[in-house]
mmCIF file of all heavy atoms, coordinates in Angstrom:
data_MODEL
# 
_entry.id   MODEL 
# 
loop_
_atom_site.group_PDB 
_atom_site.id 
_atom_site.type_symbol 
_atom_site.label_atom_id 
_atom_site.label_alt_id 
_atom_site.label_comp_id 
_atom_site.label_asym_id 
_atom_site.label_entity_id 
_atom_site.label_seq_id 
_atom_site.pdbx_PDB_ins_code 
_atom_site.Cartn_x 
_atom_site.Cartn_y 
_atom_site.Cartn_z 
_atom_site.occupancy 
_atom_site.B_iso_or_equiv 
_atom_site.pdbx_formal_charge 
_atom_site.auth_seq_id 
_atom_site.auth_comp_id 
_atom_site.auth_asym_id 
_atom_site.auth_atom_id 
_atom_site.pdbx_PDB_model_num 
ATOM 1   N N   . THR A 1 1  ? 106.749 115.944 98.766  1.00 0.00 ? 1  THR A N   1 
ATOM 2   C CA  . THR A 1 1  ? 105.925 115.242 97.761  1.00 0.00 ? 1  THR A CA  1 
ATOM 3   C C   . THR A 1 1  ? 104.456 115.357 98.021  1.00 0.00 ? 1  THR A C   1 
ATOM 4   O O   . THR A 1 1  ? 104.082 115.328 99.228  1.00 0.00 ? 1  THR A O   1 
ATOM 5   C CB  . THR A 1 1  ? 106.326 113.741 97.623  1.00 0.00 ? 1  THR A CB  1 
ATOM 6   O OG1 . THR A 1 1  ? 107.684 113.611 97.267  1.00 0.00 ? 1  THR A OG1 1 
ATOM 7   C CG2 . THR A 1 1  ? 105.444 113.015 96.628  1.00 0.00 ? 1  THR A CG2 1 
ATOM 8   N N   . ILE A 1 2  ? 103.646 115.541 97.060  1.00 0.00 ? 2  ILE A N   1 
ATOM 9   C CA  . ILE A 1 2  ? 102.219 115.478 97.192  1.00 0.00 ? 2  ILE A CA  1 
ATOM 10  C C   . ILE A 1 2  ? 101.627 114.640 96.101  1.00 0.00 ? 2  ILE A C   1 
ATOM 11  O O   . ILE A 1 2  ? 102.046 114.678 94.965  1.00 0.00 ? 2  ILE A O   1 
ATOM 12  C CB  . ILE A 1 2  ? 101.596 116.967 97.124  1.00 0.00 ? 2  ILE A CB  1 
ATOM 13  C CG1 . ILE A 1 2  ? 100.116 116.916 97.391  1.00 0.00 ? 2  ILE A CG1 1 
ATOM 14  C CG2 . ILE A 1 2  ? 101.950 117.610 95.773  1.00 0.00 ? 2  ILE A CG2 1 
ATOM 15  C CD1 . ILE A 1 2  ? 99.507  118.333 97.672  1.00 0.00 ? 2  ILE A CD1 1 
ATOM 16  N N   . THR A 1 3  ? 100.707 113.744 96.487  1.00 0.00 ? 3  THR A N   1 
ATOM 17  C CA  . THR A 1 3  ? 100.165 112.772 95.532  1.00 0.00 ? 3  THR A CA  1 
ATOM 18  C C   . THR A 1 3  ? 99.190  113.503 94.548  1.00 0.00 ? 3  THR A C   1 
ATOM 19  O O   . THR A 1 3  ? 98.833  114.672 94.781  1.00 0.00 ? 3  THR A O   1 
ATOM 20  C CB  . THR A 1 3  ? 99.387  111.662 96.253  1.00 0.00 ? 3  THR A CB  1 
ATOM 21  O OG1 . THR A 1 3  ? 98.447  112.233 97.170  1.00 0.00 ? 3  THR A OG1 1 
ATOM 22  C CG2 . THR A 1 3  ? 100.378 110.798 97.032  1.00 0.00 ? 3  THR A CG2 1 
ATOM 23  N N   . ALA A 1 4  ? 98.844  112.787 93.533  1.00 0.00 ? 4  ALA A N   1 
ATOM 24  C CA  . ALA A 1 4  ? 98.044  113.387 92.402  1.00 0.00 ? 4  ALA A CA  1 
ATOM 25  C C   . ALA A 1 4  ? 96.793  114.046 92.926  1.00 0.00 ? 4  ALA A C   1 
ATOM 26  O O   . ALA A 1 4  ? 96.396  115.116 92.416  1.00 0.00 ? 4  ALA A O   1 
ATOM 27  C CB  . ALA A 1 4  ? 97.770  112.357 91.357  1.00 0.00 ? 4  ALA A CB  1 
ATOM 28  N N   . THR A 1 5  ? 96.102  113.420 93.856  1.00 0.00 ? 5  THR A N   1 
ATOM 29  C CA  . THR A 1 5  ? 94.840  113.983 94.355  1.00 0.00 ? 5  THR A CA  1 
ATOM 30  C C   . THR A 1 5  ? 95.046  114.988 95.474  1.00 0.00 ? 5  THR A C   1 
ATOM 31  O O   . THR A 1 5  ? 94.103  115.628 95.899  1.00 0.00 ? 5  THR A O   1 
ATOM 32  C CB  . THR A 1 5  ? 93.938  112.851 94.878  1.00 0.00 ? 5  THR A CB  1 
ATOM 33  O OG1 . THR A 1 5  ? 94.569  112.229 96.049  1.00 0.00 ? 5  THR A OG1 1 
ATOM 34  C CG2 . THR A 1 5  ? 93.709  111.823 93.851  1.00 0.00 ? 5  THR A CG2 1 
ATOM 35  N N   . GLY A 1 6  ? 96.248  115.109 95.931  1.00 0.00 ? 6  GLY A N   1 
ATOM 36  C CA  . GLY A 1 6  ? 96.530  116.039 97.075  1.00 0.00 ? 6  GLY A CA  1 
ATOM 37  C C   . GLY A 1 6  ? 96.229  115.463 98.403  1.00 0.00 ? 6  GLY A C   1 
ATOM 38  O O   . GLY A 1 6  ? 96.315  116.151 99.424  1.00 0.00 ? 6  GLY A O   1 
ATOM 39  N N   . GLY A 1 7  ? 95.895  114.121 98.474  1.00 0.00 ? 7  GLY A N   1 
ATOM 40  C CA  . GLY A 1 7  ? 95.476  113.530 99.721  1.00 0.00 ? 7  GLY A CA  1 
ATOM 41  C C   . GLY A 1 7  ? 96.610  113.100 100.648 1.00 0.00 ? 7  GLY A C   1 
ATOM 42  O O   . GLY A 1 7  ? 96.330  112.805 101.849 1.00 0.00 ? 7  GLY A O   1 
ATOM 43  N N   . LYS A 1 8  ? 97.854  113.028 100.133 1.00 0.00 ? 8  LYS A N   1 
ATOM 44  C CA  . LYS A 1 8  ? 98.946  112.574 100.938 1.00 0.00 ? 8  LYS A CA  1 
ATOM 45  C C   . LYS A 1 8  ? 100.141 113.447 100.648 1.00 0.00 ? 8  LYS A C   1 
ATOM 46  O O   . LYS A 1 8  ? 100.444 113.731 99.509  1.00 0.00 ? 8  LYS A O   1 
ATOM 47  C CB  . LYS A 1 8  ? 99.258  111.139 100.648 1.00 0.00 ? 8  LYS A CB  1 
ATOM 48  C CG  . LYS A 1 8  ? 100.373 110.531 101.527 1.00 0.00 ? 8  LYS A CG  1 
ATOM 49  C CD  . LYS A 1 8  ? 100.523 109.031 101.167 1.00 0.00 ? 8  LYS A CD  1 
ATOM 50  C CE  . LYS A 1 8  ? 101.652 108.386 102.025 1.00 0.00 ? 8  LYS A CE  1 
ATOM 51  N NZ  . LYS A 1 8  ? 101.814 106.958 101.660 1.00 0.00 ? 8  LYS A NZ  1 
ATOM 52  N N   . ARG A 1 9  ? 100.818 113.843 101.745 1.00 0.00 ? 9  ARG A N   1 
ATOM 53  C CA  . ARG A 1 9  ? 102.008 114.675 101.622 1.00 0.00 ? 9  ARG A CA  1 
ATOM 54  C C   . ARG A 1 9  ? 103.119 114.139 102.479 1.00 0.00 ? 9  ARG A C   1 
ATOM 55  O O   . ARG A 1 9  ? 102.884 113.560 103.553 1.00 0.00 ? 9  ARG A O   1 
ATOM 56  C CB  . ARG A 1 9  ? 101.713 116.106 102.100 1.00 0.00 ? 9  ARG A CB  1 
ATOM 57  C CG  . ARG A 1 9  ? 100.533 116.798 101.412 1.00 0.00 ? 9  ARG A CG  1 
ATOM 58  C CD  . ARG A 1 9  ? 100.244 118.169 102.007 1.00 0.00 ? 9  ARG A CD  1 
ATOM 59  N NE  . ARG A 1 9  ? 98.954  118.624 101.536 1.00 0.00 ? 9  ARG A NE  1 
ATOM 60  C CZ  . ARG A 1 9  ? 98.497  119.859 101.858 1.00 0.00 ? 9  ARG A CZ  1 
ATOM 61  N NH1 . ARG A 1 9  ? 99.238  120.698 102.565 1.00 0.00 ? 9  ARG A NH1 1 
ATOM 62  N NH2 . ARG A 1 9  ? 97.332  120.225 101.352 1.00 0.00 ? 9  ARG A NH2 1 
ATOM 63  N N   . ASN A 1 10 ? 104.360 114.249 101.992 1.00 0.00 ? 10 ASN A N   1 
ATOM 64  C CA  . ASN A 1 10 ? 105.515 113.844 102.736 1.00 0.00 ? 10 ASN A CA  1 
ATOM 65  C C   . ASN A 1 10 ? 106.574 114.867 102.675 1.00 0.00 ? 10 ASN A C   1 
ATOM 66  O O   . ASN A 1 10 ? 106.739 115.569 101.634 1.00 0.00 ? 10 ASN A O   1 
ATOM 67  C CB  . ASN A 1 10 ? 106.043 112.509 102.189 1.00 0.00 ? 10 ASN A CB  1 
ATOM 68  C CG  . ASN A 1 10 ? 105.174 111.327 102.502 1.00 0.00 ? 10 ASN A CG  1 
ATOM 69  O OD1 . ASN A 1 10 ? 105.069 110.891 103.664 1.00 0.00 ? 10 ASN A OD1 1 
ATOM 70  N ND2 . ASN A 1 10 ? 104.486 110.786 101.541 1.00 0.00 ? 10 ASN A ND2 1 
ATOM 71  N N   . TYR A 1 11 ? 107.387 115.002 103.741 1.00 0.00 ? 11 TYR A N   1 
ATOM 72  C CA  . TYR A 1 11 ? 108.450 115.966 103.858 1.00 0.00 ? 11 TYR A CA  1 
ATOM 73  C C   . TYR A 1 11 ? 109.683 115.377 104.442 1.00 0.00 ? 11 TYR A C   1 
ATOM 74  O O   . TYR A 1 11 ? 109.632 114.499 105.307 1.00 0.00 ? 11 TYR A O   1 
ATOM 75  C CB  . TYR A 1 11 ? 108.002 117.117 104.768 1.00 0.00 ? 11 TYR A CB  1 
ATOM 76  C CG  . TYR A 1 11 ? 106.758 117.810 104.386 1.00 0.00 ? 11 TYR A CG  1 
ATOM 77  C CD1 . TYR A 1 11 ? 105.536 117.442 104.836 1.00 0.00 ? 11 TYR A CD1 1 
ATOM 78  C CD2 . TYR A 1 11 ? 106.809 118.962 103.487 1.00 0.00 ? 11 TYR A CD2 1 
ATOM 79  C CE1 . TYR A 1 11 ? 104.349 118.111 104.513 1.00 0.00 ? 11 TYR A CE1 1 
ATOM 80  C CE2 . TYR A 1 11 ? 105.654 119.634 103.174 1.00 0.00 ? 11 TYR A CE2 1 
ATOM 81  C CZ  . TYR A 1 11 ? 104.425 119.167 103.690 1.00 0.00 ? 11 TYR A CZ  1 
ATOM 82  O OH  . TYR A 1 11 ? 103.260 119.854 103.317 1.00 0.00 ? 11 TYR A OH  1 
ATOM 83  N N   . VAL A 1 12 ? 110.809 115.901 103.962 1.00 0.00 ? 12 VAL A N   1 
ATOM 84  C CA  . VAL A 1 12 ? 112.085 115.478 104.636 1.00 0.00 ? 12 VAL A CA  1 
ATOM 85  C C   . VAL A 1 12 ? 112.064 116.101 106.039 1.00 0.00 ? 12 VAL A C   1 
ATOM 86  O O   . VAL A 1 12 ? 111.465 117.138 106.284 1.00 0.00 ? 12 VAL A O   1 
ATOM 87  C CB  . VAL A 1 12 ? 113.270 116.014 103.796 1.00 0.00 ? 12 VAL A CB  1 
ATOM 88  C CG1 . VAL A 1 12 ? 113.349 117.560 103.815 1.00 0.00 ? 12 VAL A CG1 1 
ATOM 89  C CG2 . VAL A 1 12 ? 114.558 115.411 104.313 1.00 0.00 ? 12 VAL A CG2 1 
ATOM 90  N N   . ASP A 1 13 ? 112.644 115.402 106.977 1.00 0.00 ? 13 ASP A N   1 
ATOM 91  C CA  . ASP A 1 13 ? 112.563 115.804 108.377 1.00 0.00 ? 13 ASP A CA  1 
ATOM 92  C C   . ASP A 1 13 ? 113.001 117.231 108.624 1.00 0.00 ? 13 ASP A C   1 
ATOM 93  O O   . ASP A 1 13 ? 112.468 117.929 109.493 1.00 0.00 ? 13 ASP A O   1 
ATOM 94  C CB  . ASP A 1 13 ? 113.401 114.845 109.263 1.00 0.00 ? 13 ASP A CB  1 
ATOM 95  C CG  . ASP A 1 13 ? 112.730 113.507 109.514 1.00 0.00 ? 13 ASP A CG  1 
ATOM 96  O OD1 . ASP A 1 13 ? 111.502 113.354 109.176 1.00 0.00 ? 13 ASP A OD1 1 
ATOM 97  O OD2 . ASP A 1 13 ? 113.437 112.548 109.959 1.00 0.00 ? 13 ASP A OD2 1 
ATOM 98  N N   . SER A 1 14 ? 113.967 117.669 107.916 1.00 0.00 ? 14 SER A N   1 
ATOM 99  C CA  . SER A 1 14 ? 114.577 118.985 108.151 1.00 0.00 ? 14 SER A CA  1 
ATOM 100 C C   . SER A 1 14 ? 113.629 120.155 107.890 1.00 0.00 ? 14 SER A C   1 
ATOM 101 O O   . SER A 1 14 ? 113.940 121.279 108.289 1.00 0.00 ? 14 SER A O   1 
ATOM 102 C CB  . SER A 1 14 ? 115.871 119.158 107.389 1.00 0.00 ? 14 SER A CB  1 
ATOM 103 O OG  . SER A 1 14 ? 115.636 119.024 105.961 1.00 0.00 ? 14 SER A OG  1 
ATOM 104 N N   . VAL A 1 15 ? 112.566 119.927 107.122 1.00 0.00 ? 15 VAL A N   1 
ATOM 105 C CA  . VAL A 1 15 ? 111.604 120.998 106.794 1.00 0.00 ? 15 VAL A CA  1 
ATOM 106 C C   . VAL A 1 15 ? 110.278 120.821 107.427 1.00 0.00 ? 15 VAL A C   1 
ATOM 107 O O   . VAL A 1 15 ? 109.445 121.704 107.230 1.00 0.00 ? 15 VAL A O   1 
ATOM 108 C CB  . VAL A 1 15 ? 111.502 121.191 105.272 1.00 0.00 ? 15 VAL A CB  1 
ATOM 109 C CG1 . VAL A 1 15 ? 112.896 121.292 104.574 1.00 0.00 ? 15 VAL A CG1 1 
ATOM 110 C CG2 . VAL A 1 15 ? 110.676 120.064 104.618 1.00 0.00 ? 15 VAL A CG2 1 
ATOM 111 N N   . LYS A 1 16 ? 110.012 119.743 108.100 1.00 0.00 ? 16 LYS A N   1 
ATOM 112 C CA  . LYS A 1 16 ? 108.715 119.514 108.694 1.00 0.00 ? 16 LYS A CA  1 
ATOM 113 C C   . LYS A 1 16 ? 108.404 120.653 109.685 1.00 0.00 ? 16 LYS A C   1 
ATOM 114 O O   . LYS A 1 16 ? 109.166 121.069 110.527 1.00 0.00 ? 16 LYS A O   1 
ATOM 115 C CB  . LYS A 1 16 ? 108.709 118.161 109.463 1.00 0.00 ? 16 LYS A CB  1 
ATOM 116 C CG  . LYS A 1 16 ? 108.663 116.999 108.490 1.00 0.00 ? 16 LYS A CG  1 
ATOM 117 C CD  . LYS A 1 16 ? 108.655 115.642 109.281 1.00 0.00 ? 16 LYS A CD  1 
ATOM 118 C CE  . LYS A 1 16 ? 108.568 114.487 108.349 1.00 0.00 ? 16 LYS A CE  1 
ATOM 119 N NZ  . LYS A 1 16 ? 108.585 113.217 109.080 1.00 0.00 ? 16 LYS A NZ  1 
ATOM 120 N N   . GLY A 1 17 ? 107.164 121.148 109.589 1.00 0.00 ? 17 GLY A N   1 
ATOM 121 C CA  . GLY A 1 17 ? 106.702 122.199 110.418 1.00 0.00 ? 17 GLY A CA  1 
ATOM 122 C C   . GLY A 1 17 ? 107.056 123.602 109.866 1.00 0.00 ? 17 GLY A C   1 
ATOM 123 O O   . GLY A 1 17 ? 106.535 124.570 110.370 1.00 0.00 ? 17 GLY A O   1 
ATOM 124 N N   . ARG A 1 18 ? 107.853 123.656 108.832 1.00 0.00 ? 18 ARG A N   1 
ATOM 125 C CA  . ARG A 1 18 ? 108.220 124.922 108.225 1.00 0.00 ? 18 ARG A CA  1 
ATOM 126 C C   . ARG A 1 18 ? 107.765 125.042 106.757 1.00 0.00 ? 18 ARG A C   1 
ATOM 127 O O   . ARG A 1 18 ? 107.415 126.178 106.349 1.00 0.00 ? 18 ARG A O   1 
ATOM 128 C CB  . ARG A 1 18 ? 109.773 125.071 108.297 1.00 0.00 ? 18 ARG A CB  1 
ATOM 129 C CG  . ARG A 1 18 ? 110.365 125.057 109.676 1.00 0.00 ? 18 ARG A CG  1 
ATOM 130 C CD  . ARG A 1 18 ? 111.847 125.469 109.631 1.00 0.00 ? 18 ARG A CD  1 
ATOM 131 N NE  . ARG A 1 18 ? 112.657 124.520 108.836 1.00 0.00 ? 18 ARG A NE  1 
ATOM 132 C CZ  . ARG A 1 18 ? 113.391 124.844 107.787 1.00 0.00 ? 18 ARG A CZ  1 
ATOM 133 N NH1 . ARG A 1 18 ? 113.412 126.119 107.375 1.00 0.00 ? 18 ARG A NH1 1 
ATOM 134 N NH2 . ARG A 1 18 ? 114.079 123.977 107.171 1.00 0.00 ? 18 ARG A NH2 1 
ATOM 135 N N   . PHE A 1 19 ? 107.767 123.968 106.042 1.00 0.00 ? 19 PHE A N   1 
ATOM 136 C CA  . PHE A 1 19 ? 107.401 123.999 104.633 1.00 0.00 ? 19 PHE A CA  1 
ATOM 137 C C   . PHE A 1 19 ? 106.034 123.314 104.420 1.00 0.00 ? 19 PHE A C   1 
ATOM 138 O O   . PHE A 1 19 ? 105.747 122.303 105.173 1.00 0.00 ? 19 PHE A O   1 
ATOM 139 C CB  . PHE A 1 19 ? 108.442 123.245 103.753 1.00 0.00 ? 19 PHE A CB  1 
ATOM 140 C CG  . PHE A 1 19 ? 109.786 123.884 103.647 1.00 0.00 ? 19 PHE A CG  1 
ATOM 141 C CD1 . PHE A 1 19 ? 110.136 125.007 104.448 1.00 0.00 ? 19 PHE A CD1 1 
ATOM 142 C CD2 . PHE A 1 19 ? 110.652 123.435 102.710 1.00 0.00 ? 19 PHE A CD2 1 
ATOM 143 C CE1 . PHE A 1 19 ? 111.362 125.659 104.254 1.00 0.00 ? 19 PHE A CE1 1 
ATOM 144 C CE2 . PHE A 1 19 ? 111.928 124.049 102.515 1.00 0.00 ? 19 PHE A CE2 1 
ATOM 145 C CZ  . PHE A 1 19 ? 112.284 125.134 103.274 1.00 0.00 ? 19 PHE A CZ  1 
ATOM 146 N N   . THR A 1 20 ? 105.309 123.770 103.443 1.00 0.00 ? 20 THR A N   1 
ATOM 147 C CA  . THR A 1 20 ? 104.010 123.190 103.077 1.00 0.00 ? 20 THR A CA  1 
ATOM 148 C C   . THR A 1 20 ? 103.960 123.047 101.593 1.00 0.00 ? 20 THR A C   1 
ATOM 149 O O   . THR A 1 20 ? 104.157 124.008 100.879 1.00 0.00 ? 20 THR A O   1 
ATOM 150 C CB  . THR A 1 20 ? 102.868 123.973 103.599 1.00 0.00 ? 20 THR A CB  1 
ATOM 151 O OG1 . THR A 1 20 ? 102.926 124.108 104.966 1.00 0.00 ? 20 THR A OG1 1 
ATOM 152 C CG2 . THR A 1 20 ? 101.541 123.266 103.230 1.00 0.00 ? 20 THR A CG2 1 
ATOM 153 N N   . ILE A 1 21 ? 103.700 121.815 101.066 1.00 0.00 ? 21 ILE A N   1 
ATOM 154 C CA  . ILE A 1 21 ? 103.468 121.586 99.643  1.00 0.00 ? 21 ILE A CA  1 
ATOM 155 C C   . ILE A 1 21 ? 101.945 121.524 99.405  1.00 0.00 ? 21 ILE A C   1 
ATOM 156 O O   . ILE A 1 21 ? 101.250 120.896 100.177 1.00 0.00 ? 21 ILE A O   1 
ATOM 157 C CB  . ILE A 1 21 ? 104.189 120.400 99.139  1.00 0.00 ? 21 ILE A CB  1 
ATOM 158 C CG1 . ILE A 1 21 ? 104.109 120.238 97.587  1.00 0.00 ? 21 ILE A CG1 1 
ATOM 159 C CG2 . ILE A 1 21 ? 103.739 119.099 99.819  1.00 0.00 ? 21 ILE A CG2 1 
ATOM 160 C CD1 . ILE A 1 21 ? 104.971 119.172 97.005  1.00 0.00 ? 21 ILE A CD1 1 
ATOM 161 N N   . TYR A 1 22 ? 101.531 122.190 98.355  1.00 0.00 ? 22 TYR A N   1 
ATOM 162 C CA  . TYR A 1 22 ? 100.109 122.052 97.972  1.00 0.00 ? 22 TYR A CA  1 
ATOM 163 C C   . TYR A 1 22 ? 99.977  122.272 96.485  1.00 0.00 ? 22 TYR A C   1 
ATOM 164 O O   . TYR A 1 22 ? 100.891 122.791 95.823  1.00 0.00 ? 22 TYR A O   1 
ATOM 165 C CB  . TYR A 1 22 ? 99.220  123.051 98.789  1.00 0.00 ? 22 TYR A CB  1 
ATOM 166 C CG  . TYR A 1 22 ? 99.513  124.510 98.617  1.00 0.00 ? 22 TYR A CG  1 
ATOM 167 C CD1 . TYR A 1 22 ? 98.756  125.325 97.708  1.00 0.00 ? 22 TYR A CD1 1 
ATOM 168 C CD2 . TYR A 1 22 ? 100.545 125.151 99.319  1.00 0.00 ? 22 TYR A CD2 1 
ATOM 169 C CE1 . TYR A 1 22 ? 99.009  126.679 97.561  1.00 0.00 ? 22 TYR A CE1 1 
ATOM 170 C CE2 . TYR A 1 22 ? 100.798 126.503 99.117  1.00 0.00 ? 22 TYR A CE2 1 
ATOM 171 C CZ  . TYR A 1 22 ? 100.013 127.247 98.278  1.00 0.00 ? 22 TYR A CZ  1 
ATOM 172 O OH  . TYR A 1 22 ? 100.274 128.597 98.100  1.00 0.00 ? 22 TYR A OH  1 
ATOM 173 N N   . ARG A 1 23 ? 98.802  121.849 95.955  1.00 0.00 ? 23 ARG A N   1 
ATOM 174 C CA  . ARG A 1 23 ? 98.665  121.907 94.519  1.00 0.00 ? 23 ARG A CA  1 
ATOM 175 C C   . ARG A 1 23 ? 97.246  122.414 94.184  1.00 0.00 ? 23 ARG A C   1 
ATOM 176 O O   . ARG A 1 23 ? 96.291  122.284 94.980  1.00 0.00 ? 23 ARG A O   1 
ATOM 177 C CB  . ARG A 1 23 ? 98.893  120.529 93.864  1.00 0.00 ? 23 ARG A CB  1 
ATOM 178 C CG  . ARG A 1 23 ? 97.895  119.505 94.275  1.00 0.00 ? 23 ARG A CG  1 
ATOM 179 C CD  . ARG A 1 23 ? 98.390  118.056 93.873  1.00 0.00 ? 23 ARG A CD  1 
ATOM 180 N NE  . ARG A 1 23 ? 98.462  117.904 92.427  1.00 0.00 ? 23 ARG A NE  1 
ATOM 181 C CZ  . ARG A 1 23 ? 99.149  117.001 91.792  1.00 0.00 ? 23 ARG A CZ  1 
ATOM 182 N NH1 . ARG A 1 23 ? 99.912  116.163 92.470  1.00 0.00 ? 23 ARG A NH1 1 
ATOM 183 N NH2 . ARG A 1 23 ? 99.134  116.957 90.425  1.00 0.00 ? 23 ARG A NH2 1 
ATOM 184 N N   . ASP A 1 24 ? 97.088  122.957 93.015  1.00 0.00 ? 24 ASP A N   1 
ATOM 185 C CA  . ASP A 1 24 ? 95.833  123.414 92.459  1.00 0.00 ? 24 ASP A CA  1 
ATOM 186 C C   . ASP A 1 24 ? 95.711  122.700 91.083  1.00 0.00 ? 24 ASP A C   1 
ATOM 187 O O   . ASP A 1 24 ? 96.278  123.221 90.109  1.00 0.00 ? 24 ASP A O   1 
ATOM 188 C CB  . ASP A 1 24 ? 95.814  124.932 92.327  1.00 0.00 ? 24 ASP A CB  1 
ATOM 189 C CG  . ASP A 1 24 ? 94.478  125.433 91.883  1.00 0.00 ? 24 ASP A CG  1 
ATOM 190 O OD1 . ASP A 1 24 ? 93.669  124.663 91.364  1.00 0.00 ? 24 ASP A OD1 1 
ATOM 191 O OD2 . ASP A 1 24 ? 94.199  126.642 92.033  1.00 0.00 ? 24 ASP A OD2 1 
ATOM 192 N N   . ASN A 1 25 ? 94.983  121.643 91.064  1.00 0.00 ? 25 ASN A N   1 
ATOM 193 C CA  . ASN A 1 25 ? 94.855  120.867 89.840  1.00 0.00 ? 25 ASN A CA  1 
ATOM 194 C C   . ASN A 1 25 ? 94.070  121.611 88.752  1.00 0.00 ? 25 ASN A C   1 
ATOM 195 O O   . ASN A 1 25 ? 94.255  121.344 87.548  1.00 0.00 ? 25 ASN A O   1 
ATOM 196 C CB  . ASN A 1 25 ? 94.266  119.506 90.113  1.00 0.00 ? 25 ASN A CB  1 
ATOM 197 C CG  . ASN A 1 25 ? 95.206  118.564 90.757  1.00 0.00 ? 25 ASN A CG  1 
ATOM 198 O OD1 . ASN A 1 25 ? 96.371  118.839 90.970  1.00 0.00 ? 25 ASN A OD1 1 
ATOM 199 N ND2 . ASN A 1 25 ? 94.740  117.326 91.028  1.00 0.00 ? 25 ASN A ND2 1 
ATOM 200 N N   . ALA A 1 26 ? 93.225  122.575 89.117  1.00 0.00 ? 26 ALA A N   1 
ATOM 201 C CA  . ALA A 1 26 ? 92.465  123.331 88.188  1.00 0.00 ? 26 ALA A CA  1 
ATOM 202 C C   . ALA A 1 26 ? 93.364  124.290 87.421  1.00 0.00 ? 26 ALA A C   1 
ATOM 203 O O   . ALA A 1 26 ? 93.091  124.694 86.324  1.00 0.00 ? 26 ALA A O   1 
ATOM 204 C CB  . ALA A 1 26 ? 91.348  124.105 88.886  1.00 0.00 ? 26 ALA A CB  1 
ATOM 205 N N   . GLU A 1 27 ? 94.499  124.678 88.044  1.00 0.00 ? 27 GLU A N   1 
ATOM 206 C CA  . GLU A 1 27 ? 95.445  125.624 87.490  1.00 0.00 ? 27 GLU A CA  1 
ATOM 207 C C   . GLU A 1 27 ? 96.741  124.911 87.007  1.00 0.00 ? 27 GLU A C   1 
ATOM 208 O O   . GLU A 1 27 ? 97.643  125.622 86.489  1.00 0.00 ? 27 GLU A O   1 
ATOM 209 C CB  . GLU A 1 27 ? 95.803  126.737 88.470  1.00 0.00 ? 27 GLU A CB  1 
ATOM 210 C CG  . GLU A 1 27 ? 94.536  127.575 88.796  1.00 0.00 ? 27 GLU A CG  1 
ATOM 211 C CD  . GLU A 1 27 ? 94.096  128.454 87.670  1.00 0.00 ? 27 GLU A CD  1 
ATOM 212 O OE1 . GLU A 1 27 ? 94.902  128.732 86.758  1.00 0.00 ? 27 GLU A OE1 1 
ATOM 213 O OE2 . GLU A 1 27 ? 92.954  128.892 87.679  1.00 0.00 ? 27 GLU A OE2 1 
ATOM 214 N N   . ASP A 1 28 ? 96.887  123.617 87.233  1.00 0.00 ? 28 ASP A N   1 
ATOM 215 C CA  . ASP A 1 28 ? 98.095  122.873 86.888  1.00 0.00 ? 28 ASP A CA  1 
ATOM 216 C C   . ASP A 1 28 ? 99.303  123.440 87.532  1.00 0.00 ? 28 ASP A C   1 
ATOM 217 O O   . ASP A 1 28 ? 100.338 123.664 86.841  1.00 0.00 ? 28 ASP A O   1 
ATOM 218 C CB  . ASP A 1 28 ? 98.209  122.830 85.333  1.00 0.00 ? 28 ASP A CB  1 
ATOM 219 C CG  . ASP A 1 28 ? 97.216  121.969 84.672  1.00 0.00 ? 28 ASP A CG  1 
ATOM 220 O OD1 . ASP A 1 28 ? 96.337  121.296 85.375  1.00 0.00 ? 28 ASP A OD1 1 
ATOM 221 O OD2 . ASP A 1 28 ? 97.170  121.914 83.416  1.00 0.00 ? 28 ASP A OD2 1 
ATOM 222 N N   . ARG A 1 29 ? 99.209  123.733 88.835  1.00 0.00 ? 29 ARG A N   1 
ATOM 223 C CA  . ARG A 1 29 ? 100.300 124.355 89.531  1.00 0.00 ? 29 ARG A CA  1 
ATOM 224 C C   . ARG A 1 29 ? 100.525 123.665 90.895  1.00 0.00 ? 29 ARG A C   1 
ATOM 225 O O   . ARG A 1 29 ? 99.581  123.182 91.519  1.00 0.00 ? 29 ARG A O   1 
ATOM 226 C CB  . ARG A 1 29 ? 100.046 125.818 89.760  1.00 0.00 ? 29 ARG A CB  1 
ATOM 227 C CG  . ARG A 1 29 ? 99.984  126.663 88.503  1.00 0.00 ? 29 ARG A CG  1 
ATOM 228 C CD  . ARG A 1 29 ? 99.658  128.120 88.785  1.00 0.00 ? 29 ARG A CD  1 
ATOM 229 N NE  . ARG A 1 29 ? 100.743 128.853 89.391  1.00 0.00 ? 29 ARG A NE  1 
ATOM 230 C CZ  . ARG A 1 29 ? 101.714 129.472 88.677  1.00 0.00 ? 29 ARG A CZ  1 
ATOM 231 N NH1 . ARG A 1 29 ? 101.675 129.469 87.375  1.00 0.00 ? 29 ARG A NH1 1 
ATOM 232 N NH2 . ARG A 1 29 ? 102.670 130.099 89.296  1.00 0.00 ? 29 ARG A NH2 1 
ATOM 233 N N   . VAL A 1 30 ? 101.764 123.580 91.320  1.00 0.00 ? 30 VAL A N   1 
ATOM 234 C CA  . VAL A 1 30 ? 102.111 123.096 92.587  1.00 0.00 ? 30 VAL A CA  1 
ATOM 235 C C   . VAL A 1 30 ? 103.017 124.137 93.264  1.00 0.00 ? 30 VAL A C   1 
ATOM 236 O O   . VAL A 1 30 ? 103.788 124.838 92.609  1.00 0.00 ? 30 VAL A O   1 
ATOM 237 C CB  . VAL A 1 30 ? 102.824 121.711 92.541  1.00 0.00 ? 30 VAL A CB  1 
ATOM 238 C CG1 . VAL A 1 30 ? 104.134 121.804 91.731  1.00 0.00 ? 30 VAL A CG1 1 
ATOM 239 C CG2 . VAL A 1 30 ? 103.059 121.165 93.914  1.00 0.00 ? 30 VAL A CG2 1 
# 
């Protein structure tokens, strides 16, 4: 999960260190 501003991210334990969530609000993409 990533918050609307991108300031906070959370991951399920099984993917921590392997997966990264990020967003580009100018392009409306996550």
